[in-house]
Amino acid sequence: MLAKKLEIKNPNKDLPCKFSIVLIDQNEMLLNLLDFELAERKGFSVTHSTNGVELLNSDEPQPDLIIMDLIMEGISGIEFIKELRSTKSFTHTKVIVLSEKLNDADIRQLESLKVDDIIQKPVNISELLFRVEKVRE
């Protein structure tokens, strides 16, 4: 079961926002900040969790975008992305990776797994919002 789900109406339109985002990170404070920025300010449908196993086993509709840290409970971020990419129902799901410690080998591996973007932590919220809009196009 995912930890929290918000359905927020898009402030610019009267129709519910159809773009859904799942946040996966163990830092509850970061999850709450990103939740606020993405749901309250941008009007996206946001769900968050501390691990990817819940998402892979969920009966919920697949999100349009996953914003995730590589460190999570139950499975490594790289293994999660491999599993995600091999699951037919997630083939169109975009992925943005957030991580504190990235080296060249990590970046090459993430690129080979076709992640849509990689952002170094600490996260600049304005930059993250820009990149979310970019992958949404």
C-alpha atoms as a PDB file:
ATOM      1  CA  MET A   1       0.000   0.000   0.000  1.00  0.00           C
ATOM      2  CA  LEU A   2       1.390   3.400  -0.912  1.00  0.00           C
ATOM      3  CA  ALA A   3       1.821   5.785   1.965  1.00  0.00           C
ATOM      4  CA  LYS A   4      -0.182   8.749   0.768  1.00  0.00           C
ATOM      5  CA  LYS A   5      -2.240   9.754  -2.247  1.00  0.00           C
ATOM      6  CA  LEU A   6      -3.462  13.219  -3.066  1.00  0.00           C
ATOM      7  CA  GLU A   7      -5.806  14.140  -5.892  1.00  0.00           C
ATOM      8  CA  ILE A   8      -5.359  17.857  -6.420  1.00  0.00           C
ATOM      9  CA  LYS A   9      -7.168  19.869  -9.038  1.00  0.00           C
ATOM     10  CA  ASN A  10      -4.893  21.732 -11.414  1.00  0.00           C
ATOM     11  CA  PRO A  11      -5.019  25.376 -10.303  1.00  0.00           C
ATOM     12  CA  ASN A  12      -4.919  26.514 -13.930  1.00  0.00           C
ATOM     13  CA  LYS A  13      -7.847  24.392 -15.106  1.00  0.00           C
ATOM     14  CA  ASP A  14     -11.136  23.051 -13.797  1.00  0.00           C
ATOM     15  CA  LEU A  15     -10.277  19.501 -14.850  1.00  0.00           C
ATOM     16  CA  PRO A  16      -8.396  17.136 -12.518  1.00  0.00           C
ATOM     17  CA  CYS A  17      -4.703  16.823 -13.338  1.00  0.00           C
ATOM     18  CA  LYS A  18      -3.998  13.603 -15.205  1.00  0.00           C
ATOM     19  CA  PHE A  19      -0.214  13.611 -14.651  1.00  0.00           C
ATOM     20  CA  SER A  20       0.621  11.343 -11.723  1.00  0.00           C
ATOM     21  CA  ILE A  21       3.896  11.188  -9.828  1.00  0.00           C
ATOM     22  CA  VAL A  22       5.222   8.679  -7.303  1.00  0.00           C
ATOM     23  CA  LEU A  23       7.966   9.888  -4.974  1.00  0.00           C
ATOM     24  CA  ILE A  24      10.252   7.233  -3.477  1.00  0.00           C
ATOM     25  CA  ASP A  25      12.691   8.341  -0.790  1.00  0.00           C
ATOM     26  CA  GLN A  26      13.449   7.438   2.813  1.00  0.00           C
ATOM     27  CA  ASN A  27      13.731  11.094   3.825  1.00  0.00           C
ATOM     28  CA  GLU A  28      10.232  11.940   5.072  1.00  0.00           C
ATOM     29  CA  MET A  29      11.014  15.657   5.210  1.00  0.00           C
ATOM     30  CA  LEU A  30      12.060  15.660   1.535  1.00  0.00           C
ATOM     31  CA  LEU A  31       8.959  13.635   0.597  1.00  0.00           C
ATOM     32  CA  ASN A  32       6.722  16.183   2.312  1.00  0.00           C
ATOM     33  CA  LEU A  33       8.505  19.125   0.654  1.00  0.00           C
ATOM     34  CA  LEU A  34       8.303  17.552  -2.802  1.00  0.00           C
ATOM     35  CA  ASP A  35       4.701  16.544  -2.178  1.00  0.00           C
ATOM     36  CA  PHE A  36       3.829  20.146  -1.333  1.00  0.00           C
ATOM     37  CA  GLU A  37       5.662  21.615  -4.319  1.00  0.00           C
ATOM     38  CA  LEU A  38       4.356  19.103  -6.861  1.00  0.00           C
ATOM     39  CA  ALA A  39       0.795  18.667  -5.581  1.00  0.00           C
ATOM     40  CA  GLU A  40      -0.136  21.947  -3.944  1.00  0.00           C
ATOM     41  CA  ARG A  41       1.776  24.324  -6.167  1.00  0.00           C
ATOM     42  CA  LYS A  42       1.765  22.476  -9.501  1.00  0.00           C
ATOM     43  CA  GLY A  43      -1.451  20.479  -9.194  1.00  0.00           C
ATOM     44  CA  PHE A  44      -0.038  17.025  -9.954  1.00  0.00           C
ATOM     45  CA  SER A  45      -1.454  13.848  -8.459  1.00  0.00           C
ATOM     46  CA  VAL A  46       1.261  12.770  -5.993  1.00  0.00           C
ATOM     47  CA  THR A  47       1.802   9.538  -4.078  1.00  0.00           C
ATOM     48  CA  HIS A  48       4.842   8.761  -1.983  1.00  0.00           C
ATOM     49  CA  SER A  49       6.580   5.796  -0.457  1.00  0.00           C
ATOM     50  CA  THR A  50       9.828   4.808   1.202  1.00  0.00           C
ATOM     51  CA  ASN A  51      10.484   1.896  -1.167  1.00  0.00           C
ATOM     52  CA  GLY A  52       9.853   0.680  -4.699  1.00  0.00           C
ATOM     53  CA  VAL A  53       8.671  -2.809  -3.781  1.00  0.00           C
ATOM     54  CA  GLU A  54       5.282  -1.380  -2.808  1.00  0.00           C
ATOM     55  CA  LEU A  55       4.940   0.233  -6.219  1.00  0.00           C
ATOM     56  CA  LEU A  56       5.922  -2.901  -8.148  1.00  0.00           C
ATOM     57  CA  ASN A  57       3.381  -4.945  -6.152  1.00  0.00           C
ATOM     58  CA  SER A  58       0.637  -2.340  -6.236  1.00  0.00           C
ATOM     59  CA  ASP A  59      -2.672  -2.708  -8.050  1.00  0.00           C
ATOM     60  CA  GLU A  60      -2.838   1.087  -8.396  1.00  0.00           C
ATOM     61  CA  PRO A  61      -2.590   2.539 -11.915  1.00  0.00           C
ATOM     62  CA  GLN A  62       1.007   3.075 -12.984  1.00  0.00           C
ATOM     63  CA  PRO A  63       2.258   6.636 -12.572  1.00  0.00           C
ATOM     64  CA  ASP A  64       3.430   8.864 -15.391  1.00  0.00           C
ATOM     65  CA  LEU A  65       6.620   9.715 -13.478  1.00  0.00           C
ATOM     66  CA  ILE A  66       8.658   8.226 -10.648  1.00  0.00           C
ATOM     67  CA  ILE A  67      11.030  10.519  -8.759  1.00  0.00           C
ATOM     68  CA  MET A  68      13.272   8.307  -6.669  1.00  0.00           C
ATOM     69  CA  ASP A  69      16.391   8.049  -4.581  1.00  0.00           C
ATOM     70  CA  LEU A  70      18.700   5.124  -5.293  1.00  0.00           C
ATOM     71  CA  ILE A  71      18.723   4.174  -1.615  1.00  0.00           C
ATOM     72  CA  MET A  72      15.477   2.523  -0.531  1.00  0.00           C
ATOM     73  CA  GLU A  73      14.174  -0.215   1.721  1.00  0.00           C
ATOM     74  CA  GLY A  74      13.731  -3.728   0.364  1.00  0.00           C
ATOM     75  CA  ILE A  75      15.548  -3.318  -2.973  1.00  0.00           C
ATOM     76  CA  SER A  76      18.405  -1.247  -4.367  1.00  0.00           C
ATOM     77  CA  GLY A  77      17.449   1.628  -6.619  1.00  0.00           C
ATOM     78  CA  ILE A  78      19.322   0.103  -9.563  1.00  0.00           C
ATOM     79  CA  GLU A  79      17.553  -3.258  -9.101  1.00  0.00           C
ATOM     80  CA  PHE A  80      14.231  -1.445  -8.811  1.00  0.00           C
ATOM     81  CA  ILE A  81      14.819   0.377 -12.107  1.00  0.00           C
ATOM     82  CA  LYS A  82      15.845  -2.895 -13.796  1.00  0.00           C
ATOM     83  CA  GLU A  83      12.656  -4.544 -12.545  1.00  0.00           C
ATOM     84  CA  LEU A  84      10.592  -1.520 -13.550  1.00  0.00           C
ATOM     85  CA  ARG A  85      12.029  -1.505 -17.071  1.00  0.00           C
ATOM     86  CA  SER A  86      11.342  -5.232 -17.470  1.00  0.00           C
ATOM     87  CA  THR A  87       7.691  -4.887 -16.400  1.00  0.00           C
ATOM     88  CA  LYS A  88       5.399  -4.272 -19.361  1.00  0.00           C
ATOM     89  CA  SER A  89       2.946  -2.093 -17.428  1.00  0.00           C
ATOM     90  CA  PHE A  90       5.742   0.399 -16.605  1.00  0.00           C
ATOM     91  CA  THR A  91       7.201   0.757 -20.103  1.00  0.00           C
ATOM     92  CA  HIS A  92       5.981   4.339 -20.510  1.00  0.00           C
ATOM     93  CA  THR A  93       6.737   5.464 -16.961  1.00  0.00           C
ATOM     94  CA  LYS A  94       9.331   8.235 -16.817  1.00  0.00           C
ATOM     95  CA  VAL A  95      12.013   8.093 -14.095  1.00  0.00           C
ATOM     96  CA  ILE A  96      13.990  10.892 -12.458  1.00  0.00           C
ATOM     97  CA  VAL A  97      16.711   9.714 -10.073  1.00  0.00           C
ATOM     98  CA  LEU A  98      17.796  11.798  -7.082  1.00  0.00           C
ATOM     99  CA  SER A  99      21.016  10.806  -5.374  1.00  0.00           C
ATOM    100  CA  GLU A 100      23.708  12.201  -3.108  1.00  0.00           C
ATOM    101  CA  LYS A 101      26.517   9.967  -4.273  1.00  0.00           C
ATOM    102  CA  LEU A 102      26.858   9.483  -7.998  1.00  0.00           C
ATOM    103  CA  ASN A 103      30.017   8.510  -9.799  1.00  0.00           C
ATOM    104  CA  ASP A 104      30.614   8.115 -13.535  1.00  0.00           C
ATOM    105  CA  ALA A 105      29.897   4.367 -13.419  1.00  0.00           C
ATOM    106  CA  ASP A 106      26.553   4.983 -11.671  1.00  0.00           C
ATOM    107  CA  ILE A 107      25.594   7.589 -14.238  1.00  0.00           C
ATOM    108  CA  ARG A 108      26.497   5.297 -17.160  1.00  0.00           C
ATOM    109  CA  GLN A 109      24.461   2.474 -15.596  1.00  0.00           C
ATOM    110  CA  LEU A 110      21.451   4.744 -15.061  1.00  0.00           C
ATOM    111  CA  GLU A 111      21.696   5.985 -18.642  1.00  0.00           C
ATOM    112  CA  SER A 112      21.815   2.381 -19.891  1.00  0.00           C
ATOM    113  CA  LEU A 113      18.607   1.745 -17.920  1.00  0.00           C
ATOM    114  CA  LYS A 114      17.040   4.677 -19.769  1.00  0.00           C
ATOM    115  CA  VAL A 115      16.263   6.900 -16.811  1.00  0.00           C
ATOM    116  CA  ASP A 116      14.900  10.223 -18.006  1.00  0.00           C
ATOM    117  CA  ASP A 117      16.952  12.466 -15.742  1.00  0.00           C
ATOM    118  CA  ILE A 118      19.463  12.388 -12.893  1.00  0.00           C
ATOM    119  CA  ILE A 119      19.592  15.088 -10.212  1.00  0.00           C
ATOM    120  CA  GLN A 120      22.297  15.441  -7.582  1.00  0.00           C
ATOM    121  CA  LYS A 121      21.143  15.942  -3.975  1.00  0.00           C
ATOM    122  CA  PRO A 122      20.662  18.283  -2.230  1.00  0.00           C
ATOM    123  CA  VAL A 123      17.789  19.026  -4.581  1.00  0.00           C
ATOM    124  CA  ASN A 124      17.189  22.524  -5.891  1.00  0.00           C
ATOM    125  CA  ILE A 125      13.374  22.643  -5.969  1.00  0.00           C
ATOM    126  CA  SER A 126      13.186  25.087  -8.886  1.00  0.00           C
ATOM    127  CA  GLU A 127      15.497  22.865 -10.921  1.00  0.00           C
ATOM    128  CA  LEU A 128      13.468  19.765 -10.048  1.00  0.00           C
ATOM    129  CA  LEU A 129      10.205  21.452 -11.071  1.00  0.00           C
ATOM    130  CA  PHE A 130      11.797  22.527 -14.366  1.00  0.00           C
ATOM    131  CA  ARG A 131      12.979  18.985 -15.057  1.00  0.00           C
ATOM    132  CA  VAL A 132       9.588  17.494 -14.190  1.00  0.00           C
ATOM    133  CA  GLU A 133       7.993  19.808 -16.728  1.00  0.00           C
ATOM    134  CA  LYS A 134      10.666  18.823 -19.261  1.00  0.00           C
ATOM    135  CA  VAL A 135      10.054  15.053 -18.929  1.00  0.00           C
ATOM    136  CA  ARG A 136       6.313  15.671 -18.969  1.00  0.00           C
ATOM    137  CA  GLU A 137       6.440  17.111 -22.514  1.00  0.00           C
END
